[in-house]
Amino acid sequence: LLENYCIDTYPNLLERGTETGIQLINAHRKEQSDSILAVLSKYLDKRHSPQTKLAALTMMGPCAPYFTDKELAKTISEKILIMAPSALESLQKNIARQISLVLKFFADPFRVADGLLKAILSSTDINKIRGNCYLLAGILV
């Protein structure tokens, strides 16, 4: 679903594919959240398109309340923190909009917010500053 239908070539298909994925996940999230998250987390890697990454992040939201695998949650949170500052601005904004749904994956959101603030103040790369600002805003909302 993510590889074939959540692509940027056809925005309507991307939206419908994401909605379909969320509906499927909602049907099985309580008993299969860790398995679903393990699959979705692979789509946060560099080799996937920004739209596929965002669709995967969006689909993770419904599973967040039910996950039990702390190591997987740590992996997902690390991927999000790496992905946001290095992404295109449109993806950075969308990650910020979705972050509240997956905030449970972060063991200590206050420490993450503090780290983001320090990264913002110490960086000279405008893209990283912007990405971290969007992410920080998403966490604080």
Protein backbone atom coordinates (compact mmCIF):
# COMPACT_ATOMS: atom_id res chain seq x y z
CA LEU A 1 0.00 0.00 0.00
CA LEU A 2 2.70 2.49 0.96
CA GLU A 3 5.01 1.71 -1.93
CA ASN A 4 2.39 1.57 -4.66
CA TYR A 5 -0.37 3.95 -3.63
CA CYS A 6 1.12 6.50 -1.25
CA ILE A 7 3.19 8.29 -3.87
CA ASP A 8 3.42 11.94 -4.78
CA THR A 9 2.65 11.46 -8.48
CA TYR A 10 -1.09 11.40 -7.81
CA PRO A 11 -2.05 13.46 -4.72
CA ASN A 12 -5.59 12.08 -4.60
CA LEU A 13 -4.24 8.53 -4.66
CA LEU A 14 -1.80 9.44 -1.88
CA GLU A 15 -4.65 10.76 0.27
CA ARG A 16 -6.93 7.79 -0.43
CA GLY A 17 -4.10 5.29 0.09
CA THR A 18 -3.28 6.84 3.45
CA GLU A 19 -6.94 6.80 4.48
CA THR A 20 -7.27 3.16 3.43
CA GLY A 21 -4.15 2.25 5.41
CA ILE A 22 -5.53 3.95 8.50
CA GLN A 23 -8.84 2.09 8.15
CA LEU A 24 -7.02 -1.24 7.90
CA ILE A 25 -4.85 -0.38 10.88
CA ASN A 26 -7.85 0.72 12.94
CA ALA A 27 -9.41 -2.71 12.40
CA HIS A 28 -6.38 -4.52 13.87
CA ARG A 29 -4.39 -2.00 15.90
CA LYS A 30 -5.14 -3.27 19.39
CA GLU A 31 -3.87 -6.79 18.86
CA GLN A 32 -1.29 -6.12 16.14
CA SER A 33 0.13 -2.66 16.87
CA ASP A 34 3.73 -3.78 17.39
CA SER A 35 3.73 -5.80 14.15
CA ILE A 36 2.14 -2.95 12.22
CA LEU A 37 4.61 -0.44 13.65
CA ALA A 38 7.57 -2.68 12.79
CA VAL A 39 6.50 -2.66 9.14
CA LEU A 40 5.69 1.06 9.03
CA SER A 41 8.96 2.07 10.70
CA LYS A 42 10.88 0.69 7.73
CA TYR A 43 9.23 3.34 5.55
CA LEU A 44 10.84 6.13 7.57
CA ASP A 45 14.24 5.24 6.11
CA LYS A 46 16.09 7.52 3.67
CA ARG A 47 15.41 5.50 0.55
CA HIS A 48 11.67 6.21 0.57
CA SER A 49 10.02 9.33 -0.83
CA PRO A 50 8.95 12.15 1.50
CA GLN A 51 5.30 11.38 0.82
CA THR A 52 5.74 7.70 1.66
CA LYS A 53 7.49 8.66 4.91
CA LEU A 54 4.67 11.01 5.84
CA ALA A 55 2.02 8.40 4.98
CA ALA A 56 3.84 5.87 7.20
CA LEU A 57 4.07 8.39 10.04
CA THR A 58 0.37 9.21 9.66
CA MET A 59 -0.54 5.51 9.77
CA MET A 60 1.49 5.06 12.96
CA GLY A 61 -0.76 7.42 14.90
CA PRO A 62 -3.64 4.97 15.47
CA CYS A 63 -1.20 2.34 16.80
CA ALA A 64 0.57 4.62 19.26
CA PRO A 65 -1.78 4.02 22.21
CA TYR A 66 -1.39 0.24 21.95
CA PHE A 67 2.30 -0.45 21.33
CA THR A 68 4.29 -2.45 23.89
CA ASP A 69 7.71 -2.76 22.23
CA LYS A 70 9.85 -0.03 23.85
CA GLU A 71 12.86 -0.72 21.60
CA LEU A 72 10.73 -0.29 18.50
CA ALA A 73 9.35 2.96 19.90
CA LYS A 74 12.91 4.17 20.48
CA THR A 75 13.84 3.29 16.89
CA ILE A 76 10.80 5.13 15.53
CA SER A 77 11.47 8.24 17.63
CA GLU A 78 15.12 8.29 16.50
CA LYS A 79 14.08 8.01 12.85
CA ILE A 80 11.63 10.89 13.26
CA LEU A 81 14.30 13.07 14.88
CA ILE A 82 16.71 12.31 12.02
CA MET A 83 14.10 12.69 9.30
CA ALA A 84 12.58 16.05 10.30
CA PRO A 85 15.61 18.35 10.11
CA SER A 86 16.86 16.88 6.84
CA ALA A 87 13.52 16.83 5.00
CA LEU A 88 11.93 19.21 2.53
CA GLU A 89 10.08 22.09 4.16
CA SER A 90 6.67 20.73 3.16
CA LEU A 91 7.49 17.42 4.83
CA GLN A 92 8.85 19.22 7.89
CA LYS A 93 5.52 21.03 8.29
CA ASN A 94 3.56 17.82 7.89
CA ILE A 95 5.74 15.97 10.39
CA ALA A 96 5.04 18.76 12.88
CA ARG A 97 1.30 18.30 12.30
CA GLN A 98 1.55 14.53 12.89
CA ILE A 99 3.99 14.48 15.80
CA SER A 100 1.33 14.83 18.48
CA LEU A 101 -0.19 11.52 17.32
CA VAL A 102 3.09 9.64 17.79
CA LEU A 103 4.47 11.53 20.78
CA LYS A 104 4.00 8.42 22.90
CA PHE A 105 6.97 6.85 21.10
CA PHE A 106 9.27 9.38 22.75
CA ALA A 107 10.38 8.16 26.19
CA ASP A 108 10.95 11.72 27.46
CA PRO A 109 9.32 14.41 25.28
CA PHE A 110 10.65 17.17 27.54
CA ARG A 111 14.23 16.00 27.00
CA VAL A 112 13.57 15.82 23.25
CA ALA A 113 12.19 19.38 23.30
CA ASP A 114 15.25 20.56 25.22
CA GLY A 115 17.56 18.82 22.73
CA LEU A 116 15.71 20.38 19.80
CA LEU A 117 16.00 23.84 21.34
CA LYS A 118 19.75 23.37 21.85
CA ALA A 119 20.12 22.13 18.25
CA ILE A 120 18.20 25.17 16.98
CA LEU A 121 20.41 27.58 18.90
CA SER A 122 23.68 25.93 17.91
CA SER A 123 23.08 25.16 14.23
CA THR A 124 23.96 27.32 11.23
CA ASP A 125 22.14 25.13 8.70
CA ILE A 126 18.85 26.89 7.95
CA ASN A 127 17.12 23.67 6.85
CA LYS A 128 18.01 21.91 10.11
CA ILE A 129 16.97 24.94 12.14
CA ARG A 130 13.64 25.11 10.33
CA GLY A 131 13.03 21.36 10.65
CA ASN A 132 13.85 21.37 14.35
CA CYS A 133 11.64 24.43 14.89
CA TYR A 134 8.70 22.71 13.19
CA LEU A 135 9.30 19.56 15.21
CA LEU A 136 9.56 21.51 18.47
CA ALA A 137 6.35 23.39 17.67
CA GLY A 138 4.59 20.09 16.94
CA ILE A 139 5.72 18.65 20.27
CA LEU A 140 4.65 21.71 22.23
CA VAL A 141 1.17 21.89 20.69
